[in-house]
C-alpha cells in the first residue's frame, strides 16, 4: 500500500515526492525507512548526507511541497 501524506501547504505527497522544510531547507525526497513503525517516512537530502525519520503527522507540521520559508 502506497503511503500518502498531506504537507503543511495542503498538497498530497507520497514516497518519491520532493518536499522542503518550513525553514527553507531541502529539497528532501520521501523514502520508505528500512526499519520504523508502519507509516513512518524518511526525508533524504539530494546529496544523501541528511536523513530525517518522521512520524506521518510530522509531514503536515514541518514540510511544504512548494519551497517557502515560514517565520
N, C-alpha and C. Protein backbone atom coordinates (compact mmCIF):
# COMPACT_ATOMS: atom_id res chain seq x y z
N UNK A 1 0.84 -1.18 0.00
CA UNK A 1 0.00 0.00 0.00
C UNK A 1 0.89 1.24 0.00
N UNK A 2 0.62 2.15 -0.90
CA UNK A 2 1.40 3.38 -1.00
C UNK A 2 1.03 4.34 0.12
N UNK A 3 2.04 4.95 0.71
CA UNK A 3 1.81 5.93 1.78
C UNK A 3 1.62 7.31 1.16
N UNK A 4 0.57 7.99 1.60
CA UNK A 4 0.34 9.37 1.18
C UNK A 4 0.32 10.25 2.41
N UNK A 5 0.84 11.46 2.24
CA UNK A 5 0.95 12.41 3.33
C UNK A 5 0.44 13.76 2.86
N UNK A 6 -0.11 14.54 3.77
CA UNK A 6 -0.55 15.90 3.47
C UNK A 6 0.49 16.85 4.03
N UNK A 7 1.01 17.76 3.19
CA UNK A 7 2.01 18.72 3.63
C UNK A 7 1.34 19.92 4.30
N UNK A 8 2.14 20.74 4.95
CA UNK A 8 1.61 21.92 5.63
C UNK A 8 0.91 22.87 4.66
N UNK A 9 1.39 22.92 3.41
CA UNK A 9 0.76 23.81 2.43
C UNK A 9 -0.39 23.13 1.67
N UNK A 10 -0.84 21.97 2.17
CA UNK A 10 -2.06 21.36 1.66
C UNK A 10 -1.94 20.40 0.49
N UNK A 11 -0.73 20.10 0.06
CA UNK A 11 -0.53 19.17 -1.05
C UNK A 11 -0.45 17.74 -0.54
N UNK A 12 -0.83 16.80 -1.39
CA UNK A 12 -0.68 15.38 -1.08
C UNK A 12 0.60 14.89 -1.74
N UNK A 13 1.46 14.25 -0.96
CA UNK A 13 2.73 13.72 -1.47
C UNK A 13 2.85 12.27 -1.05
N UNK A 14 3.71 11.55 -1.71
CA UNK A 14 3.95 10.15 -1.39
C UNK A 14 5.42 9.83 -1.51
N UNK A 15 5.75 8.56 -1.36
CA UNK A 15 7.14 8.15 -1.48
C UNK A 15 7.66 8.55 -2.85
N UNK A 16 8.85 9.11 -2.88
CA UNK A 16 9.45 9.60 -4.11
C UNK A 16 9.19 11.07 -4.38
N UNK A 17 8.27 11.67 -3.63
CA UNK A 17 7.98 13.10 -3.80
C UNK A 17 9.07 13.95 -3.18
N UNK A 18 9.15 15.19 -3.63
CA UNK A 18 10.12 16.16 -3.11
C UNK A 18 9.39 17.17 -2.26
N UNK A 19 9.97 17.46 -1.08
CA UNK A 19 9.40 18.44 -0.16
C UNK A 19 10.51 19.34 0.37
N UNK A 20 10.10 20.46 0.98
CA UNK A 20 11.02 21.41 1.60
C UNK A 20 10.59 21.60 3.05
N UNK A 21 11.54 21.73 3.97
CA UNK A 21 11.18 22.01 5.35
C UNK A 21 10.66 23.45 5.43
N UNK A 22 9.88 23.74 6.47
CA UNK A 22 9.26 25.06 6.57
C UNK A 22 10.29 26.17 6.81
N UNK A 23 11.51 25.80 7.20
CA UNK A 23 12.55 26.82 7.35
C UNK A 23 13.36 27.01 6.07
N UNK A 24 12.92 26.37 4.99
CA UNK A 24 13.58 26.55 3.69
C UNK A 24 14.64 25.52 3.37
N UNK A 25 14.97 24.62 4.28
CA UNK A 25 15.97 23.60 3.99
C UNK A 25 15.40 22.56 3.03
N UNK A 26 16.27 22.01 2.23
CA UNK A 26 15.84 20.99 1.30
C UNK A 26 16.48 21.21 -0.05
N UNK A 27 16.03 20.51 -1.03
CA UNK A 27 14.86 19.63 -1.02
C UNK A 27 15.17 18.28 -0.39
N UNK A 28 14.11 17.61 0.02
CA UNK A 28 14.17 16.26 0.58
C UNK A 28 13.25 15.36 -0.23
N UNK A 29 13.67 14.13 -0.41
CA UNK A 29 12.85 13.12 -1.08
C UNK A 29 12.31 12.17 -0.03
N UNK A 30 11.02 11.86 -0.11
CA UNK A 30 10.39 10.94 0.82
C UNK A 30 10.73 9.51 0.40
N UNK A 31 11.28 8.74 1.33
CA UNK A 31 11.62 7.34 1.07
C UNK A 31 11.14 6.48 2.23
N UNK A 32 10.91 5.22 1.93
CA UNK A 32 10.49 4.26 2.96
C UNK A 32 11.70 3.90 3.82
N UNK A 33 11.55 4.02 5.15
CA UNK A 33 12.68 3.66 6.02
C UNK A 33 12.92 2.16 6.04
N UNK A 34 14.16 1.77 6.31
CA UNK A 34 14.50 0.35 6.40
C UNK A 34 13.82 -0.30 7.60
N UNK A 35 13.75 0.45 8.70
CA UNK A 35 13.17 -0.09 9.92
C UNK A 35 12.50 1.04 10.69
N UNK A 36 11.19 0.99 10.79
CA UNK A 36 10.43 2.01 11.51
C UNK A 36 8.98 1.52 11.63
N UNK A 37 8.22 2.12 12.51
CA UNK A 37 6.80 1.74 12.61
C UNK A 37 6.07 2.00 11.29
N UNK A 38 4.98 1.29 11.04
CA UNK A 38 4.22 1.49 9.80
C UNK A 38 3.81 2.95 9.62
N UNK A 39 3.94 3.44 8.39
CA UNK A 39 3.55 4.79 8.06
C UNK A 39 4.63 5.84 8.22
N UNK A 40 5.69 5.51 8.93
CA UNK A 40 6.77 6.48 9.09
C UNK A 40 7.50 6.64 7.78
N UNK A 41 8.21 7.77 7.64
CA UNK A 41 8.87 8.09 6.39
C UNK A 41 10.23 8.75 6.67
N UNK A 42 11.18 8.54 5.76
CA UNK A 42 12.47 9.23 5.83
C UNK A 42 12.48 10.34 4.81
N UNK A 43 13.07 11.46 5.20
CA UNK A 43 13.32 12.58 4.29
C UNK A 43 14.82 12.56 4.01
N UNK A 44 15.20 12.42 2.76
CA UNK A 44 16.61 12.30 2.39
C UNK A 44 16.99 13.48 1.50
N UNK A 45 18.07 14.18 1.87
CA UNK A 45 18.55 15.31 1.08
C UNK A 45 19.08 14.82 -0.26
N UNK A 46 19.17 15.73 -1.22
CA UNK A 46 19.66 15.38 -2.56
C UNK A 46 21.04 14.74 -2.53
N UNK A 47 21.90 15.21 -1.63
CA UNK A 47 23.25 14.66 -1.57
C UNK A 47 23.34 13.41 -0.70
N UNK A 48 22.23 13.03 -0.07
CA UNK A 48 22.21 11.83 0.76
C UNK A 48 22.85 12.01 2.12
N UNK A 49 23.34 13.21 2.41
CA UNK A 49 24.03 13.46 3.68
C UNK A 49 23.07 13.57 4.86
N UNK A 50 21.85 14.05 4.61
CA UNK A 50 20.89 14.25 5.69
C UNK A 50 19.73 13.28 5.51
N UNK A 51 19.46 12.50 6.55
CA UNK A 51 18.32 11.59 6.56
C UNK A 51 17.54 11.86 7.84
N UNK A 52 16.26 12.20 7.69
CA UNK A 52 15.41 12.51 8.82
C UNK A 52 14.26 11.51 8.87
N UNK A 53 14.09 10.84 10.00
CA UNK A 53 13.00 9.90 10.19
C UNK A 53 11.84 10.63 10.86
N UNK A 54 10.64 10.52 10.26
CA UNK A 54 9.48 11.24 10.78
C UNK A 54 8.26 10.35 10.91
N UNK A 55 7.46 10.65 11.94
CA UNK A 55 6.13 10.07 12.06
C UNK A 55 5.25 10.69 10.99
N UNK A 56 4.18 10.01 10.57
CA UNK A 56 3.33 10.54 9.49
C UNK A 56 2.81 11.95 9.74
N UNK A 57 2.42 12.26 10.95
CA UNK A 57 1.86 13.59 11.25
C UNK A 57 2.90 14.70 11.15
N UNK A 58 4.18 14.38 11.23
CA UNK A 58 5.24 15.39 11.12
C UNK A 58 5.28 16.05 9.75
N UNK A 59 4.90 15.32 8.71
CA UNK A 59 4.94 15.87 7.36
C UNK A 59 4.05 17.11 7.28
N UNK A 60 2.88 17.05 7.86
CA UNK A 60 1.94 18.16 7.83
C UNK A 60 2.31 19.32 8.72
N UNK A 61 3.25 19.09 9.63
CA UNK A 61 3.67 20.15 10.55
C UNK A 61 4.93 20.85 10.04
N UNK A 62 5.87 20.10 9.48
CA UNK A 62 7.20 20.62 9.20
C UNK A 62 7.60 20.74 7.73
N UNK A 63 6.76 20.27 6.79
CA UNK A 63 7.18 20.24 5.38
C UNK A 63 6.13 20.83 4.45
N UNK A 64 6.61 21.49 3.40
CA UNK A 64 5.79 22.04 2.32
C UNK A 64 6.17 21.36 1.01
N UNK A 65 5.23 21.29 0.09
CA UNK A 65 5.52 20.79 -1.26
C UNK A 65 6.21 21.87 -2.07
N UNK A 66 5.81 23.10 -1.86
CA UNK A 66 6.38 24.25 -2.57
C UNK A 66 7.36 24.95 -1.64
N UNK A 67 8.54 25.27 -2.16
CA UNK A 67 9.56 25.89 -1.30
C UNK A 67 9.12 27.28 -0.86
N UNK A 68 9.12 27.51 0.44
CA UNK A 68 8.87 28.81 1.02
C UNK A 68 9.41 28.77 2.46
N UNK A 69 9.72 29.92 2.98
CA UNK A 69 10.23 30.00 4.35
C UNK A 69 9.14 30.62 5.21
N UNK A 70 8.80 29.93 6.30
CA UNK A 70 7.78 30.42 7.21
C UNK A 70 8.47 30.91 8.48
N UNK A 71 8.02 32.04 8.98
CA UNK A 71 8.61 32.60 10.19
C UNK A 71 7.68 32.44 11.37
